[in-house]
Protein backbone atom coordinates (compact mmCIF):
# COMPACT_ATOMS: atom_id res chain seq x y z
CA MET A 1 26.45 146.36 48.83
CA HIS A 2 27.44 145.04 45.18
CA ASP A 3 24.35 142.76 45.02
CA ARG A 4 22.25 145.94 45.63
CA GLU A 5 24.04 147.97 43.28
CA ALA A 6 23.81 145.46 40.42
CA LEU A 7 19.83 145.22 41.29
CA LEU A 8 19.29 148.99 40.90
CA GLU A 9 21.57 149.81 38.16
CA GLY A 10 19.72 151.00 35.15
CA LEU A 11 16.55 151.61 37.11
CA PHE A 12 17.56 154.94 38.81
CA THR A 13 19.54 157.98 37.68
CA GLY A 14 22.57 159.32 39.64
CA ALA A 15 19.96 161.54 41.59
CA GLY A 16 18.01 158.69 42.98
CA MET A 17 15.05 159.39 40.51
CA MET A 18 13.89 156.36 38.67
CA ARG A 19 14.50 156.32 34.98
CA THR A 20 11.41 156.77 32.74
CA ASP A 21 12.16 153.47 30.85
CA ALA A 22 12.56 151.39 34.04
CA GLY A 23 8.46 151.06 34.02
CA ALA A 24 5.94 152.10 36.46
CA ALA A 25 5.96 148.85 38.15
CA TYR A 26 8.94 149.66 40.44
CA ARG A 27 7.72 153.48 41.04
CA ASP A 28 5.11 155.21 43.48
CA HIS A 29 3.73 157.72 41.13
CA LEU A 30 2.76 160.43 44.02
CA THR A 31 6.27 160.53 45.63
CA GLY A 32 8.35 159.08 42.74
CA LEU A 33 10.09 157.05 45.45
CA PRO A 34 10.74 153.32 44.68
CA ASN A 35 7.81 151.07 45.71
CA ARG A 36 7.28 148.06 47.68
CA ARG A 37 7.97 145.75 44.78
CA LEU A 38 11.29 147.12 44.33
CA LEU A 39 11.97 146.96 48.10
CA ASP A 40 11.12 143.22 48.25
CA ARG A 41 13.65 142.72 45.43
CA ALA A 42 16.33 144.97 47.03
CA LEU A 43 15.94 142.96 50.18
CA ASP A 44 15.93 139.53 48.97
CA SER A 45 19.18 140.43 47.16
CA MET A 46 20.83 142.22 50.22
CA THR A 47 19.79 139.58 52.77
CA ALA A 48 21.43 136.82 50.37
CA GLY A 49 24.54 138.53 51.05
CA SER A 50 26.83 139.02 54.37
CA THR A 51 27.37 142.96 54.19
CA PRO A 52 25.66 144.77 57.19
CA PHE A 53 22.84 147.22 56.79
CA ALA A 54 20.18 149.08 58.56
CA LEU A 55 16.53 149.02 57.82
CA LEU A 56 14.08 152.01 58.94
CA PHE A 57 10.62 151.29 59.10
CA ILE A 58 8.96 154.80 59.38
CA ASP A 59 5.18 155.73 60.23
CA LEU A 60 3.79 159.17 60.07
CA ASP A 61 1.99 160.28 63.31
CA ARG A 62 -1.47 161.67 62.88
CA PHE A 63 -1.10 161.42 59.07
CA LYS A 64 -4.57 159.72 59.04
CA VAL A 65 -6.28 162.40 61.03
CA VAL A 66 -5.16 165.35 59.13
CA ASN A 67 -5.88 163.40 55.48
CA ASP A 68 -9.61 162.73 56.95
CA THR A 69 -10.05 166.06 58.31
CA ARG A 70 -8.34 168.30 55.91
CA GLY A 71 -8.70 166.28 52.55
CA HIS A 72 -6.67 164.16 50.45
CA LEU A 73 -5.03 166.70 48.69
CA CYS A 74 -3.59 168.12 51.65
CA GLY A 75 -2.60 164.44 52.41
CA ASP A 76 -0.97 164.06 49.25
CA ARG A 77 1.03 167.23 49.85
CA ILE A 78 2.39 165.97 53.09
CA LEU A 79 3.51 162.75 51.59
CA GLU A 80 5.27 164.69 48.90
CA MET A 81 6.98 166.77 51.41
CA PHE A 82 8.14 163.78 53.42
CA ALA A 83 9.39 162.18 50.49
CA SER A 84 11.56 165.31 50.00
CA ILE A 85 12.66 165.37 53.55
CA LEU A 86 13.80 161.60 53.01
CA ARG A 87 15.91 162.51 49.99
CA LYS A 88 17.75 165.01 51.94
CA THR A 89 17.97 163.28 54.91
CA PHE A 90 19.56 159.96 53.43
CA ARG A 91 22.35 159.38 51.07
CA GLU A 92 22.02 158.74 47.17
CA THR A 93 23.70 155.12 48.05
CA ASP A 94 20.71 154.39 50.40
CA THR A 95 17.29 153.07 49.03
CA VAL A 96 14.34 155.04 50.12
CA CYS A 97 11.13 153.52 49.71
CA ARG A 98 7.29 154.13 49.94
CA PHE A 99 6.14 150.86 51.69
CA GLY A 100 2.43 151.84 51.60
CA GLY A 101 -0.15 154.53 52.85
CA ASP A 102 1.97 156.68 55.09
CA GLU A 103 4.58 154.09 55.82
CA PHE A 104 8.14 154.29 54.36
CA VAL A 105 11.21 151.88 54.50
CA VAL A 106 14.88 152.86 54.08
CA LEU A 107 17.97 150.45 53.57
CA ALA A 108 20.90 152.37 54.76
CA GLY A 109 24.59 150.98 54.23
CA ILE A 110 26.63 151.54 57.39
CA GLU A 111 29.86 151.29 58.97
CA LYS A 112 28.87 151.36 62.52
CA GLU A 113 25.38 151.20 64.00
CA SER A 114 25.77 154.67 65.66
CA ASP A 115 25.73 155.95 61.82
CA ALA A 116 22.27 154.84 61.31
CA GLU A 117 20.91 156.14 64.90
CA ILE A 118 22.17 159.47 63.93
CA LEU A 119 20.22 159.22 60.70
CA ALA A 120 17.16 158.38 62.70
CA ALA A 121 17.56 161.17 64.92
CA ARG A 122 18.12 163.66 62.13
CA LEU A 123 14.93 162.10 60.31
CA THR A 124 13.17 162.87 63.54
CA SER A 125 13.99 166.17 63.98
CA ARG A 126 13.56 167.38 60.50
CA THR A 127 10.06 165.82 60.06
CA ALA A 128 8.68 167.62 63.46
CA GLU A 129 10.20 170.91 61.91
CA LEU A 130 8.56 170.69 58.61
CA LEU A 131 5.71 169.11 59.05
CA GLY A 132 5.07 169.52 62.77
CA GLY A 133 3.98 172.98 62.90
CA ASP A 134 1.42 173.21 60.19
CA TRP A 135 -0.15 169.73 60.56
CA GLY A 136 1.20 168.12 63.75
CA VAL A 137 2.60 165.41 61.69
CA THR A 138 5.90 163.76 63.01
CA ALA A 139 7.52 160.42 62.18
CA SER A 140 8.14 157.28 64.50
CA THR A 141 10.70 154.85 63.39
CA GLY A 142 11.70 151.54 64.09
CA LEU A 143 15.57 150.99 63.51
CA VAL A 144 16.96 147.20 62.89
CA PHE A 145 20.18 145.88 61.43
CA PHE A 146 21.03 143.06 59.30
CA PRO A 147 22.10 140.20 60.39
CA VAL A 148 21.95 141.20 64.08
CA ASP A 149 18.18 141.56 64.35
CA ALA A 150 17.45 139.21 61.79
CA ALA A 151 18.77 137.36 58.70
CA ASP A 152 15.69 137.45 56.38
CA LYS A 153 13.30 139.85 54.76
CA ARG A 154 10.54 138.96 56.61
CA GLY A 155 12.08 139.02 60.02
CA LEU A 156 13.79 142.36 59.54
CA LEU A 157 10.32 143.90 58.42
CA ALA A 158 8.50 142.56 61.41
CA ALA A 159 11.26 143.38 63.94
CA ALA A 160 11.43 147.03 62.51
CA ASP A 161 7.51 147.13 62.85
CA ARG A 162 7.58 146.18 66.34
CA ALA A 163 10.14 148.79 66.84
CA MET A 164 8.09 151.48 65.19
CA TYR A 165 5.10 150.72 67.39
CA SER A 166 7.14 150.91 70.49
CA ALA A 167 8.14 154.28 69.51
CA LYS A 168 4.74 155.41 68.84
CA ALA A 169 3.68 153.93 72.32
CA SER A 170 6.31 155.85 73.95
CA GLY A 171 5.02 159.23 72.83
CA ARG A 172 5.62 159.54 68.85
CA SER A 173 8.05 161.65 67.13
CA ARG A 174 10.98 159.36 68.08
CA TRP A 175 13.11 156.10 66.95
CA CYS A 176 13.40 152.97 68.72
CA ARG A 177 15.53 149.57 68.70
CA PRO A 178 13.78 146.14 69.04
CA GLY A 179 13.46 145.37 72.74
CA THR A 180 14.48 148.96 74.01
CA SER A 181 12.65 151.63 75.16
CA ALA A 182 12.27 154.54 72.65
CA ARG A 183 14.98 157.35 72.66
CA GLN A 184 14.20 159.96 75.07
CA ILE A 185 14.99 163.65 74.86
CA ARG A 186 18.47 164.53 76.24
CA TRP A 187 20.77 167.32 76.26
CA THR A 188 24.12 168.50 78.12
CA ASP A 189 23.79 170.37 81.57
CA GLY A 190 25.39 173.23 79.50
CA ALA A 191 22.64 173.71 77.08
CA PHE A 192 21.22 176.56 79.01
CA VAL A 193 23.06 178.63 81.70
CA ASP A 194 21.89 178.59 85.06
CA ARG A 195 18.52 176.97 84.02
CA ALA A 196 19.02 173.60 85.64
CA ASP A 197 15.68 173.58 87.48
CA GLU A 198 13.96 174.73 84.52
CA THR A 199 15.25 172.23 81.99
CA ALA A 200 14.87 169.29 85.02
CA GLY A 201 11.32 170.32 84.80
CA ILE A 202 10.69 170.16 81.05
CA LEU A 203 12.34 167.09 80.27
CA PRO A 204 9.80 164.62 81.96
CA ILE A 205 6.97 166.48 80.62
CA LEU A 206 8.10 165.92 76.99
CA SER A 207 9.74 162.75 77.22
CA GLY A 208 6.50 160.97 78.80
CA GLY A 209 3.33 160.00 76.84
CA PRO A 210 0.37 162.03 75.98
CA PRO A 211 0.18 165.22 78.24
CA SER A 212 -2.53 165.22 80.74
CA LYS A 213 -2.28 168.60 81.88
CA LEU A 214 -1.66 172.41 80.75
CA VAL A 215 1.79 173.52 81.72
CA VAL A 216 2.64 177.43 81.88
CA VAL A 217 6.01 178.67 81.58
CA ARG A 218 6.29 181.97 83.57
CA GLY A 219 8.78 184.77 84.45
CA GLU A 220 9.55 188.16 84.09
CA PRO A 221 9.99 189.68 80.62
CA GLY A 222 13.37 189.20 79.17
CA VAL A 223 14.44 186.11 81.34
CA GLY A 224 14.50 183.69 78.20
CA LYS A 225 11.10 181.99 78.43
CA THR A 226 10.45 181.82 74.73
CA ALA A 227 14.07 180.77 73.82
CA LEU A 228 13.67 177.69 76.52
CA VAL A 229 10.74 176.60 75.19
CA GLU A 230 11.63 176.94 71.74
CA GLU A 231 14.87 175.10 72.09
CA ALA A 232 12.99 172.47 74.14
CA LEU A 233 10.67 171.97 71.48
CA ARG A 234 13.43 171.94 68.83
CA ARG A 235 15.20 169.02 70.54
CA SER A 236 12.15 167.00 71.54
CA GLY A 237 10.23 167.28 67.91
CA LEU A 238 6.87 167.79 69.97
CA SER A 239 5.86 171.17 68.83
CA ASP A 240 2.16 170.20 69.02
CA ARG A 241 2.33 169.90 72.71
CA CYS A 242 2.69 173.56 73.01
CA ILE A 243 0.00 176.19 72.86
CA GLY A 244 1.69 179.71 72.20
CA LEU A 245 -0.01 182.99 73.75
CA VAL A 246 1.09 186.37 73.10
CA CYS A 247 0.21 188.01 76.56
CA ARG A 248 -2.02 191.18 76.21
CA PRO A 249 -2.89 193.69 78.94
CA GLU A 250 -6.25 192.47 79.29
CA PHE A 251 -4.87 188.89 80.33
CA ALA A 252 -2.88 190.20 83.13
CA ASP A 253 -5.38 189.61 85.89
CA LEU A 254 -5.70 185.81 84.49
CA HIS A 255 -5.47 183.45 87.28
CA TYR A 256 -3.35 180.36 86.36
CA ALA A 257 -1.49 177.41 88.43
CA PRO A 258 2.30 177.27 88.36
């Protein structure tokens, strides 16, 4: 990664923030992240070498709806918060850029592909946790590797963009590799003791596309319904698919389908 380090030396401080004397040309003024111009230079330099790296192309799900309905100030706040999530998720040695609008790109040095996959999964989970509850905003990510998926800047960005849209088509709030289905929600059989039937029923609902029906989880008080649903939502990053109701006595006779 020496080419990348030489390119970025003098532009950024050790904390990953752009130096004030580096000029506004390489900085996104809202988030403080490097912008697309810096990304282009970094990609040109890195693809000229032979060191493998990962590229993550990230799009914020439902951001445009929130920005249009709740105002641009709210939209700006979400972008600033997501930039903070990116900084905390990735390493100082990675290059985190705002590509434009609600799209971001990360260049990450890797020892093995699974390292980048862990980072992609972590980003998905953190975004759903911090932005999903209040605004329903999540992140869909396309993950590609140099030189496995493409050996030049244009090819890498195109492959990552296609993978990102595959993640969106598979239900959003997930990451995807080129030519594969988006990663589905999984957990081990021991995640819940004696709840195999319930988890088997919840997984297809969370792993599918947009829900077409209301799903009610019912049971006697104290059996763990809330813990089951909260854990399922935490693992899936799909908190926007759940409507929480506090059961009151006047609802006791309300009829519903199992």
